């Protein structure tokens, strides 16, 4: 049980501390803006981005659609099999993994 508590605590800390850094790097869209981007064809469905990460054996714990330097990207916070929390960036127009994971 304590091991699980440690993973949850580390995950919570990583998500809280990563928030300001993400805001400084990119502007993330609201849920309504994200839905509109998918509906207009500017971004693939979130399921495409999730499949790209899950194939690597990671569990997705958070997702944001953001404006990156070269267009829209999905920023996924993932929990790897080894318990490490990482950030994966997926191109929102193609669904291909750009960085992380």
PDB file of N, CA and C in Angstrom:
ATOM      1  N   UNK A   1       0.814  -1.187   0.000  1.00  0.00           N
ATOM      2  CA  UNK A   1       0.000   0.000   0.000  1.00  0.00           C
ATOM      3  C   UNK A   1       0.860   1.253   0.000  1.00  0.00           C
ATOM      4  N   UNK A   2       1.933   1.274   0.792  1.00  0.00           N
ATOM      5  CA  UNK A   2       2.791   2.464   0.856  1.00  0.00           C
ATOM      6  C   UNK A   2       3.461   2.730  -0.475  1.00  0.00           C
ATOM      7  N   UNK A   3       3.772   1.670  -1.221  1.00  0.00           N
ATOM      8  CA  UNK A   3       4.391   1.861  -2.533  1.00  0.00           C
ATOM      9  C   UNK A   3       3.422   2.571  -3.462  1.00  0.00           C
ATOM     10  N   UNK A   4       2.149   2.192  -3.399  1.00  0.00           N
ATOM     11  CA  UNK A   4       1.144   2.852  -4.223  1.00  0.00           C
ATOM     12  C   UNK A   4       0.999   4.310  -3.820  1.00  0.00           C
ATOM     13  N   UNK A   5       1.034   4.578  -2.524  1.00  0.00           N
ATOM     14  CA  UNK A   5       0.938   5.951  -2.044  1.00  0.00           C
ATOM     15  C   UNK A   5       2.090   6.781  -2.580  1.00  0.00           C
ATOM     16  N   UNK A   6       3.287   6.196  -2.623  1.00  0.00           N
ATOM     17  CA  UNK A   6       4.458   6.901  -3.140  1.00  0.00           C
ATOM     18  C   UNK A   6       4.306   7.259  -4.604  1.00  0.00           C
ATOM     19  N   UNK A   7       3.759   6.325  -5.387  1.00  0.00           N
ATOM     20  CA  UNK A   7       3.554   6.583  -6.815  1.00  0.00           C
ATOM     21  C   UNK A   7       2.519   7.681  -7.000  1.00  0.00           C
ATOM     22  N   UNK A   8       1.434   7.615  -6.244  1.00  0.00           N
ATOM     23  CA  UNK A   8       0.388   8.630  -6.360  1.00  0.00           C
ATOM     24  C   UNK A   8       0.922   9.989  -5.921  1.00  0.00           C
ATOM     25  N   UNK A   9       1.688  10.023  -4.840  1.00  0.00           N
ATOM     26  CA  UNK A   9       2.258  11.286  -4.368  1.00  0.00           C
ATOM     27  C   UNK A   9       3.210  11.872  -5.403  1.00  0.00           C
ATOM     28  N   UNK A  10       4.065  11.026  -5.968  1.00  0.00           N
ATOM     29  CA  UNK A  10       5.010  11.495  -6.986  1.00  0.00           C
ATOM     30  C   UNK A  10       4.269  11.994  -8.212  1.00  0.00           C
ATOM     31  N   UNK A  11       3.210  11.291  -8.586  1.00  0.00           N
ATOM     32  CA  UNK A  11       2.425  11.704  -9.741  1.00  0.00           C
ATOM     33  C   UNK A  11       1.780  13.061  -9.486  1.00  0.00           C
ATOM     34  N   UNK A  12       1.184  13.225  -8.316  1.00  0.00           N
ATOM     35  CA  UNK A  12       0.561  14.497  -7.978  1.00  0.00           C
ATOM     36  C   UNK A  12       1.564  15.629  -7.975  1.00  0.00           C
ATOM     37  N   UNK A  13       2.734  15.398  -7.411  1.00  0.00           N
ATOM     38  CA  UNK A  13       3.782  16.416  -7.384  1.00  0.00           C
ATOM     39  C   UNK A  13       4.221  16.768  -8.794  1.00  0.00           C
ATOM     40  N   UNK A  14       4.395  15.762  -9.642  1.00  0.00           N
ATOM     41  CA  UNK A  14       4.839  16.009 -11.022  1.00  0.00           C
ATOM     42  C   UNK A  14       3.805  16.825 -11.786  1.00  0.00           C
ATOM     43  N   UNK A  15       2.534  16.528 -11.585  1.00  0.00           N
ATOM     44  CA  UNK A  15       1.500  17.264 -12.304  1.00  0.00           C
ATOM     45  C   UNK A  15       1.395  18.706 -11.821  1.00  0.00           C
ATOM     46  N   UNK A  16       1.543  18.917 -10.526  1.00  0.00           N
ATOM     47  CA  UNK A  16       1.469  20.273  -9.985  1.00  0.00           C
ATOM     48  C   UNK A  16       2.653  21.104 -10.425  1.00  0.00           C
ATOM     49  N   UNK A  17       3.850  20.531 -10.377  1.00  0.00           N
ATOM     50  CA  UNK A  17       5.045  21.292 -10.736  1.00  0.00           C
ATOM     51  C   UNK A  17       5.187  21.469 -12.232  1.00  0.00           C
ATOM     52  N   UNK A  18       4.607  20.597 -13.048  1.00  0.00           N
ATOM     53  CA  UNK A  18       4.720  20.717 -14.501  1.00  0.00           C
ATOM     54  C   UNK A  18       3.763  21.769 -15.053  1.00  0.00           C
ATOM     55  N   UNK A  19       2.711  22.095 -14.330  1.00  0.00           N
ATOM     56  CA  UNK A  19       1.707  23.029 -14.814  1.00  0.00           C
ATOM     57  C   UNK A  19       2.260  24.372 -15.232  1.00  0.00           C
ATOM     58  N   UNK A  20       2.995  25.087 -14.368  1.00  0.00           N
ATOM     59  CA  UNK A  20       3.520  26.391 -14.753  1.00  0.00           C
ATOM     60  C   UNK A  20       4.490  26.330 -15.928  1.00  0.00           C
ATOM     61  N   UNK A  21       5.302  25.280 -15.990  1.00  0.00           N
ATOM     62  CA  UNK A  21       6.255  25.145 -17.099  1.00  0.00           C
ATOM     63  C   UNK A  21       5.509  24.977 -18.413  1.00  0.00           C
ATOM     64  N   UNK A  22       4.448  24.193 -18.397  1.00  0.00           N
ATOM     65  CA  UNK A  22       3.666  23.978 -19.609  1.00  0.00           C
ATOM     66  C   UNK A  22       3.017  25.279 -20.058  1.00  0.00           C
ATOM     67  N   UNK A  23       2.487  26.026 -19.121  1.00  0.00           N
ATOM     68  CA  UNK A  23       1.831  27.288 -19.473  1.00  0.00           C
ATOM     69  C   UNK A  23       2.820  28.258 -20.102  1.00  0.00           C
ATOM     70  N   UNK A  24       4.058  28.240 -19.633  1.00  0.00           N
ATOM     71  CA  UNK A  24       5.070  29.146 -20.175  1.00  0.00           C
ATOM     72  C   UNK A  24       5.482  28.735 -21.584  1.00  0.00           C
ATOM     73  N   UNK A  25       5.491  27.426 -21.860  1.00  0.00           N
ATOM     74  CA  UNK A  25       5.928  26.923 -23.160  1.00  0.00           C
ATOM     75  C   UNK A  25       4.852  27.082 -24.233  1.00  0.00           C
ATOM     76  N   UNK A  26       3.608  26.775 -23.883  1.00  0.00           N
ATOM     77  CA  UNK A  26       2.553  26.706 -24.868  1.00  0.00           C
ATOM     78  C   UNK A  26       1.244  27.192 -24.275  1.00  0.00           C
ATOM     79  N   UNK A  27       0.342  27.547 -25.152  1.00  0.00           N
ATOM     80  CA  UNK A  27      -1.006  27.897 -24.704  1.00  0.00           C
ATOM     81  C   UNK A  27      -1.908  26.719 -25.021  1.00  0.00           C
ATOM     82  N   UNK A  28      -2.493  26.143 -23.990  1.00  0.00           N
ATOM     83  CA  UNK A  28      -3.377  25.001 -24.188  1.00  0.00           C
ATOM     84  C   UNK A  28      -4.803  25.477 -24.400  1.00  0.00           C
ATOM     85  N   UNK A  29      -5.531  24.727 -25.195  1.00  0.00           N
ATOM     86  CA  UNK A  29      -6.891  25.069 -25.556  1.00  0.00           C
ATOM     87  C   UNK A  29      -7.870  24.608 -24.482  1.00  0.00           C
ATOM     88  N   UNK A  30      -8.990  25.296 -24.385  1.00  0.00           N
ATOM     89  CA  UNK A  30     -10.068  24.864 -23.496  1.00  0.00           C
ATOM     90  C   UNK A  30     -10.722  23.627 -24.118  1.00  0.00           C
ATOM     91  N   UNK A  31     -11.576  22.966 -23.364  1.00  0.00           N
ATOM     92  CA  UNK A  31     -12.270  21.787 -23.894  1.00  0.00           C
ATOM     93  C   UNK A  31     -13.098  22.143 -25.129  1.00  0.00           C
ATOM     94  N   UNK A  32     -13.746  23.285 -25.089  1.00  0.00           N
ATOM     95  CA  UNK A  32     -14.570  23.710 -26.219  1.00  0.00           C
ATOM     96  C   UNK A  32     -13.708  23.998 -27.446  1.00  0.00           C
ATOM     97  N   UNK A  33     -12.577  24.661 -27.241  1.00  0.00           N
ATOM     98  CA  UNK A  33     -11.665  24.956 -28.355  1.00  0.00           C
ATOM     99  C   UNK A  33     -11.088  23.660 -28.930  1.00  0.00           C
ATOM    100  N   UNK A  34     -10.775  22.709 -28.059  1.00  0.00           N
ATOM    101  CA  UNK A  34     -10.243  21.423 -28.519  1.00  0.00           C
ATOM    102  C   UNK A  34     -11.281  20.675 -29.349  1.00  0.00           C
ATOM    103  N   UNK A  35     -12.522  20.673 -28.887  1.00  0.00           N
ATOM    104  CA  UNK A  35     -13.594  20.008 -29.657  1.00  0.00           C
ATOM    105  C   UNK A  35     -13.751  20.654 -31.030  1.00  0.00           C
ATOM    106  N   UNK A  36     -13.685  21.973 -31.063  1.00  0.00           N
ATOM    107  CA  UNK A  36     -13.816  22.686 -32.333  1.00  0.00           C
ATOM    108  C   UNK A  36     -12.652  22.370 -33.269  1.00  0.00           C
ATOM    109  N   UNK A  37     -11.443  22.253 -32.733  1.00  0.00           N
ATOM    110  CA  UNK A  37     -10.265  21.927 -33.550  1.00  0.00           C
ATOM    111  C   UNK A  37     -10.396  20.538 -34.159  1.00  0.00           C
ATOM    112  N   UNK A  38     -10.903  19.582 -33.392  1.00  0.00           N
ATOM    113  CA  UNK A  38     -11.105  18.222 -33.908  1.00  0.00           C
ATOM    114  C   UNK A  38     -12.224  18.224 -34.942  1.00  0.00           C
ATOM    115  N   UNK A  39     -13.326  18.901 -34.637  1.00  0.00           N
ATOM    116  CA  UNK A  39     -14.473  18.940 -35.550  1.00  0.00           C
ATOM    117  C   UNK A  39     -14.119  19.587 -36.885  1.00  0.00           C
ATOM    118  N   UNK A  40     -13.214  20.567 -36.867  1.00  0.00           N
ATOM    119  CA  UNK A  40     -12.840  21.256 -38.101  1.00  0.00           C
ATOM    120  C   UNK A  40     -11.724  20.537 -38.869  1.00  0.00           C
ATOM    121  N   UNK A  41     -11.184  19.471 -38.289  1.00  0.00           N
ATOM    122  CA  UNK A  41     -10.123  18.728 -38.960  1.00  0.00           C
ATOM    123  C   UNK A  41      -8.727  19.263 -38.701  1.00  0.00           C
ATOM    124  N   UNK A  42      -8.592  20.242 -37.808  1.00  0.00           N
ATOM    125  CA  UNK A  42      -7.269  20.788 -37.482  1.00  0.00           C
ATOM    126  C   UNK A  42      -6.476  19.857 -36.567  1.00  0.00           C
ATOM    127  N   UNK A  43      -7.178  18.934 -35.900  1.00  0.00           N
ATOM    128  CA  UNK A  43      -6.527  17.986 -34.996  1.00  0.00           C
ATOM    129  C   UNK A  43      -7.213  16.631 -35.117  1.00  0.00           C
ATOM    130  N   UNK A  44      -6.419  15.569 -34.951  1.00  0.00           N
ATOM    131  CA  UNK A  44      -6.985  14.222 -34.947  1.00  0.00           C
ATOM    132  C   UNK A  44      -7.708  14.015 -33.618  1.00  0.00           C
ATOM    133  N   UNK A  45      -8.555  13.025 -33.566  1.00  0.00           N
ATOM    134  CA  UNK A  45      -9.249  12.702 -32.317  1.00  0.00           C
ATOM    135  C   UNK A  45      -8.225  12.298 -31.256  1.00  0.00           C
ATOM    136  N   UNK A  46      -8.572  12.549 -30.018  1.00  0.00           N
ATOM    137  CA  UNK A  46      -7.684  12.226 -28.903  1.00  0.00           C
ATOM    138  C   UNK A  46      -7.371  10.730 -28.870  1.00  0.00           C
ATOM    139  N   UNK A  47      -8.278   9.891 -29.346  1.00  0.00           N
ATOM    140  CA  UNK A  47      -8.044   8.449 -29.337  1.00  0.00           C
ATOM    141  C   UNK A  47      -6.812   8.069 -30.160  1.00  0.00           C
ATOM    142  N   UNK A  48      -6.525   8.817 -31.209  1.00  0.00           N
ATOM    143  CA  UNK A  48      -5.338   8.548 -32.034  1.00  0.00           C
ATOM    144  C   UNK A  48      -4.070   8.802 -31.223  1.00  0.00           C
ATOM    145  N   UNK A  49      -4.048   9.909 -30.494  1.00  0.00           N
ATOM    146  CA  UNK A  49      -2.889  10.234 -29.657  1.00  0.00           C
ATOM    147  C   UNK A  49      -2.742   9.224 -28.528  1.00  0.00           C
ATOM    148  N   UNK A  50      -3.848   8.805 -27.942  1.00  0.00           N
ATOM    149  CA  UNK A  50      -3.798   7.835 -26.848  1.00  0.00           C
ATOM    150  C   UNK A  50      -3.247   6.495 -27.319  1.00  0.00           C
ATOM    151  N   UNK A  51      -3.668   6.046 -28.491  1.00  0.00           N
ATOM    152  CA  UNK A  51      -3.177   4.771 -29.036  1.00  0.00           C
ATOM    153  C   UNK A  51      -1.674   4.822 -29.268  1.00  0.00           C
ATOM    154  N   UNK A  52      -1.177   5.961 -29.741  1.00  0.00           N
ATOM    155  CA  UNK A  52       0.256   6.091 -30.005  1.00  0.00           C
ATOM    156  C   UNK A  52       1.061   5.906 -28.728  1.00  0.00           C
ATOM    157  N   UNK A  53       0.552   6.365 -27.618  1.00  0.00           N
ATOM    158  CA  UNK A  53       1.265   6.256 -26.345  1.00  0.00           C
ATOM    159  C   UNK A  53       1.031   4.903 -25.694  1.00  0.00           C
ATOM    160  N   UNK A  54      -0.178   4.392 -25.745  1.00  0.00           N
ATOM    161  CA  UNK A  54      -0.497   3.121 -25.100  1.00  0.00           C
ATOM    162  C   UNK A  54       0.241   1.954 -25.747  1.00  0.00           C
ATOM    163  N   UNK A  55       0.568   2.085 -27.034  1.00  0.00           N
ATOM    164  CA  UNK A  55       1.350   1.036 -27.703  1.00  0.00           C
ATOM    165  C   UNK A  55       2.700   0.869 -27.035  1.00  0.00           C
ATOM    166  N   UNK A  56       3.163   1.909 -26.364  1.00  0.00           N
ATOM    167  CA  UNK A  56       4.461   1.880 -25.684  1.00  0.00           C
ATOM    168  C   UNK A  56       4.347   1.320 -24.271  1.00  0.00           C
ATOM    169  N   UNK A  57       3.151   0.929 -23.862  1.00  0.00           N
ATOM    170  CA  UNK A  57       2.955   0.336 -22.546  1.00  0.00           C
ATOM    171  C   UNK A  57       2.816   1.329 -21.415  1.00  0.00           C
ATOM    172  N   UNK A  58       2.463   2.557 -21.719  1.00  0.00           N
ATOM    173  CA  UNK A  58       2.303   3.585 -20.697  1.00  0.00           C
ATOM    174  C   UNK A  58       0.832   3.857 -20.441  1.00  0.00           C
ATOM    175  N   UNK A  59       0.537   4.309 -19.224  1.00  0.00           N
ATOM    176  CA  UNK A  59      -0.821   4.686 -18.866  1.00  0.00           C
ATOM    177  C   UNK A  59      -0.941   6.207 -18.923  1.00  0.00           C
ATOM    178  N   UNK A  60      -1.893   6.702 -19.669  1.00  0.00           N
ATOM    179  CA  UNK A  60      -2.093   8.145 -19.808  1.00  0.00           C
ATOM    180  C   UNK A  60      -2.889   8.641 -18.603  1.00  0.00           C
ATOM    181  N   UNK A  61      -2.360   9.685 -17.938  1.00  0.00           N
ATOM    182  CA  UNK A  61      -3.034  10.242 -16.768  1.00  0.00           C
ATOM    183  C   UNK A  61      -3.481  11.687 -16.975  1.00  0.00           C
ATOM    184  N   UNK A  62      -3.110  12.297 -18.093  1.00  0.00           N
ATOM    185  CA  UNK A  62      -3.530  13.657 -18.385  1.00  0.00           C
ATOM    186  C   UNK A  62      -3.272  14.009 -19.832  1.00  0.00           C
ATOM    187  N   UNK A  63      -4.190  14.798 -20.428  1.00  0.00           N
ATOM    188  CA  UNK A  63      -4.058  15.182 -21.835  1.00  0.00           C
ATOM    189  C   UNK A  63      -4.491  16.633 -22.011  1.00  0.00           C
ATOM    190  N   UNK A  64      -3.718  17.364 -22.819  1.00  0.00           N
ATOM    191  CA  UNK A  64      -4.081  18.729 -23.188  1.00  0.00           C
ATOM    192  C   UNK A  64      -3.775  18.919 -24.672  1.00  0.00           C
ATOM    193  N   UNK A  65      -4.650  19.627 -25.368  1.00  0.00           N
ATOM    194  CA  UNK A  65      -4.387  20.022 -26.747  1.00  0.00           C
ATOM    195  C   UNK A  65      -3.859  21.452 -26.681  1.00  0.00           C
ATOM    196  N   UNK A  66      -2.647  21.659 -27.193  1.00  0.00           N
ATOM    197  CA  UNK A  66      -1.978  22.952 -27.047  1.00  0.00           C
ATOM    198  C   UNK A  66      -1.465  23.451 -28.388  1.00  0.00           C
ATOM    199  N   UNK A  67      -1.229  24.749 -28.433  1.00  0.00           N
ATOM    200  CA  UNK A  67      -0.594  25.347 -29.604  1.00  0.00           C
ATOM    201  C   UNK A  67       0.905  25.266 -29.401  1.00  0.00           C
ATOM    202  N   UNK A  68       1.579  24.509 -30.257  1.00  0.00           N
ATOM    203  CA  UNK A  68       3.022  24.378 -30.186  1.00  0.00           C
ATOM    204  C   UNK A  68       3.687  25.320 -31.162  1.00  0.00           C
ATOM    205  N   UNK A  69       4.994  25.232 -31.252  1.00  0.00           N
ATOM    206  CA  UNK A  69       5.742  26.090 -32.152  1.00  0.00           C
ATOM    207  C   UNK A  69       5.408  25.871 -33.611  1.00  0.00           C
ATOM    208  N   UNK A  70       5.026  24.635 -33.960  1.00  0.00           N
ATOM    209  CA  UNK A  70       4.745  24.313 -35.360  1.00  0.00           C
ATOM    210  C   UNK A  70       3.307  23.863 -35.571  1.00  0.00           C
ATOM    211  N   UNK A  71       2.407  24.268 -34.691  1.00  0.00           N
ATOM    212  CA  UNK A  71       1.004  23.885 -34.826  1.00  0.00           C
ATOM    213  C   UNK A  71       0.492  23.223 -33.562  1.00  0.00           C
ATOM    214  N   UNK A  72      -0.639  22.548 -33.691  1.00  0.00           N
ATOM    215  CA  UNK A  72      -1.272  21.920 -32.541  1.00  0.00           C
ATOM    216  C   UNK A  72      -0.575  20.626 -32.154  1.00  0.00           C
ATOM    217  N   UNK A  73      -0.442  20.422 -30.846  1.00  0.00           N
ATOM    218  CA  UNK A  73       0.137  19.198 -30.298  1.00  0.00           C
ATOM    219  C   UNK A  73      -0.688  18.738 -29.107  1.00  0.00           C
ATOM    220  N   UNK A  74      -0.723  17.437 -28.914  1.00  0.00           N
ATOM    221  CA  UNK A  74      -1.290  16.880 -27.695  1.00  0.00           C
ATOM    222  C   UNK A  74      -0.136  16.713 -26.718  1.00  0.00           C
ATOM    223  N   UNK A  75      -0.303  17.208 -25.502  1.00  0.00           N
ATOM    224  CA  UNK A  75       0.679  17.031 -24.431  1.00  0.00           C
ATOM    225  C   UNK A  75       0.083  16.017 -23.468  1.00  0.00           C
ATOM    226  N   UNK A  76       0.671  14.831 -23.415  1.00  0.00           N
ATOM    227  CA  UNK A  76       0.162  13.765 -22.572  1.00  0.00           C
ATOM    228  C   UNK A  76       1.098  13.558 -21.389  1.00  0.00           C
ATOM    229  N   UNK A  77       0.536  13.449 -20.214  1.00  0.00           N
ATOM    230  CA  UNK A  77       1.288  13.073 -19.032  1.00  0.00           C
ATOM    231  C   UNK A  77       1.041  11.583 -18.863  1.00  0.00           C
ATOM    232  N   UNK A  78       2.124  10.803 -18.808  1.00  0.00           N
ATOM    233  CA  UNK A  78       1.984   9.350 -18.771  1.00  0.00           C
ATOM    234  C   UNK A  78       2.735   8.755 -17.594  1.00  0.00           C
ATOM    235  N   UNK A  79       2.234   7.626 -17.142  1.00  0.00           N
ATOM    236  CA  UNK A  79       2.865   6.851 -16.097  1.00  0.00           C
ATOM    237  C   UNK A  79       3.408   5.596 -16.760  1.00  0.00           C
ATOM    238  N   UNK A  80       4.726   5.467 -16.785  1.00  0.00           N
ATOM    239  CA  UNK A  80       5.368   4.325 -17.434  1.00  0.00           C
ATOM    240  C   UNK A  80       5.282   3.090 -16.538  1.00  0.00           C
ATOM    241  N   UNK A  81       5.583   1.950 -17.092  1.00  0.00           N
ATOM    242  CA  UNK A  81       5.551   0.696 -16.345  1.00  0.00           C
ATOM    243  C   UNK A  81       6.469   0.730 -15.133  1.00  0.00           C
ATOM    244  N   UNK A  82       7.566   1.470 -15.242  1.00  0.00           N
ATOM    245  CA  UNK A  82       8.521   1.531 -14.129  1.00  0.00           C
ATOM    246  C   UNK A  82       8.130   2.553 -13.068  1.00  0.00           C
ATOM    247  N   UNK A  83       6.954   3.192 -13.228  1.00  0.00           N
ATOM    248  CA  UNK A  83       6.463   4.135 -12.240  1.00  0.00           C
ATOM    249  C   UNK A  83       6.888   5.572 -12.466  1.00  0.00           C
ATOM    250  N   UNK A  84       7.665   5.827 -13.504  1.00  0.00           N
ATOM    251  CA  UNK A  84       8.112   7.195 -13.778  1.00  0.00           C
ATOM    252  C   UNK A  84       7.035   7.967 -14.533  1.00  0.00           C
ATOM    253  N   UNK A  85       6.878   9.217 -14.149  1.00  0.00           N
ATOM    254  CA  UNK A  85       5.944  10.113 -14.833  1.00  0.00           C
ATOM    255  C   UNK A  85       6.723  10.887 -15.880  1.00  0.00           C
ATOM    256  N   UNK A  86       6.230  10.855 -17.106  1.00  0.00           N
ATOM    257  CA  UNK A  86       6.899  11.563 -18.197  1.00  0.00           C
ATOM    258  C   UNK A  86       5.869  12.347 -19.002  1.00  0.00           C
ATOM    259  N   UNK A  87       6.365  13.176 -19.875  1.00  0.00           N
ATOM    260  CA  UNK A  87       5.524  13.977 -20.758  1.00  0.00           C
ATOM    261  C   UNK A  87       5.797  13.517 -22.183  1.00  0.00           C
ATOM    262  N   UNK A  88       4.752  13.272 -22.938  1.00  0.00           N
ATOM    263  CA  UNK A  88       4.865  12.861 -24.340  1.00  0.00           C
ATOM    264  C   UNK A  88       4.136  13.899 -25.182  1.00  0.00           C
ATOM    265  N   UNK A  89       4.774  14.307 -26.277  1.00  0.00           N
ATOM    266  CA  UNK A  89       4.164  15.252 -27.206  1.00  0.00           C
ATOM    267  C   UNK A  89       3.803  14.507 -28.480  1.00  0.00           C
ATOM    268  N   UNK A  90       2.550  14.659 -28.901  1.00  0.00           N
ATOM    269  CA  UNK A  90       2.043  13.995 -30.095  1.00  0.00           C
ATOM    270  C   UNK A  90       1.558  15.068 -31.066  1.00  0.00           C
ATOM    271  N   UNK A  91       1.998  14.978 -32.315  1.00  0.00           N
ATOM    272  CA  UNK A  91       1.543  15.912 -33.352  1.00  0.00           C
ATOM    273  C   UNK A  91       0.036  15.736 -33.512  1.00  0.00           C
ATOM    274  N   UNK A  92      -0.712  16.800 -33.318  1.00  0.00           N
ATOM    275  CA  UNK A  92      -2.172  16.716 -33.350  1.00  0.00           C
ATOM    276  C   UNK A  92      -2.733  16.610 -34.761  1.00  0.00           C
ATOM    277  N   UNK A  93      -1.939  16.895 -35.773  1.00  0.00           N
ATOM    278  CA  UNK A  93      -2.448  16.763 -37.141  1.00  0.00           C
ATOM    279  C   UNK A  93      -2.221  15.370 -37.710  1.00  0.00           C
ATOM    280  N   UNK A  94      -1.152  14.687 -37.265  1.00  0.00           N
ATOM    281  CA  UNK A  94      -0.849  13.360 -37.807  1.00  0.00           C
ATOM    282  C   UNK A  94      -1.037  12.229 -36.793  1.00  0.00           C
ATOM    283  N   UNK A  95      -0.974  12.547 -35.499  1.00  0.00           N
ATOM    284  CA  UNK A  95      -1.072  11.506 -34.471  1.00  0.00           C
ATOM    285  C   UNK A  95       0.245  10.830 -34.177  1.00  0.00           C
ATOM    286  N   UNK A  96       1.347  11.324 -34.737  1.00  0.00           N
ATOM    287  CA  UNK A  96       2.646  10.686 -34.506  1.00  0.00           C
ATOM    288  C   UNK A  96       3.329  11.289 -33.280  1.00  0.00           C
ATOM    289  N   UNK A  97       4.047  10.424 -32.551  1.00  0.00           N
ATOM    290  CA  UNK A  97       4.765  10.856 -31.358  1.00  0.00           C
ATOM    291  C   UNK A  97       5.955  11.710 -31.769  1.00  0.00           C
ATOM    292  N   UNK A  98       6.073  12.884 -31.172  1.00  0.00           N
ATOM    293  CA  UNK A  98       7.179  13.788 -31.477  1.00  0.00           C
ATOM    294  C   UNK A  98       8.310  13.677 -30.466  1.00  0.00           C
ATOM    295  N   UNK A  99       7.964  13.694 -29.177  1.00  0.00           N
ATOM    296  CA  UNK A  99       8.973  13.613 -28.121  1.00  0.00           C
ATOM    297  C   UNK A  99       8.429  12.860 -26.925  1.00  0.00           C
ATOM    298  N   UNK A 100       9.356  12.347 -26.112  1.00  0.00           N
ATOM    299  CA  UNK A 100       9.001  11.735 -24.837  1.00  0.00           C
ATOM    300  C   UNK A 100       8.624  10.284 -24.941  1.00  0.00           C
ATOM    301  N   UNK A 101       8.231   9.790 -23.780  1.00  0.00           N
ATOM    302  CA  UNK A 101       7.720   8.432 -23.677  1.00  0.00           C
ATOM    303  C   UNK A 101       8.749   7.391 -23.652  1.00  0.00           C
TER     304      UNK A 101
END
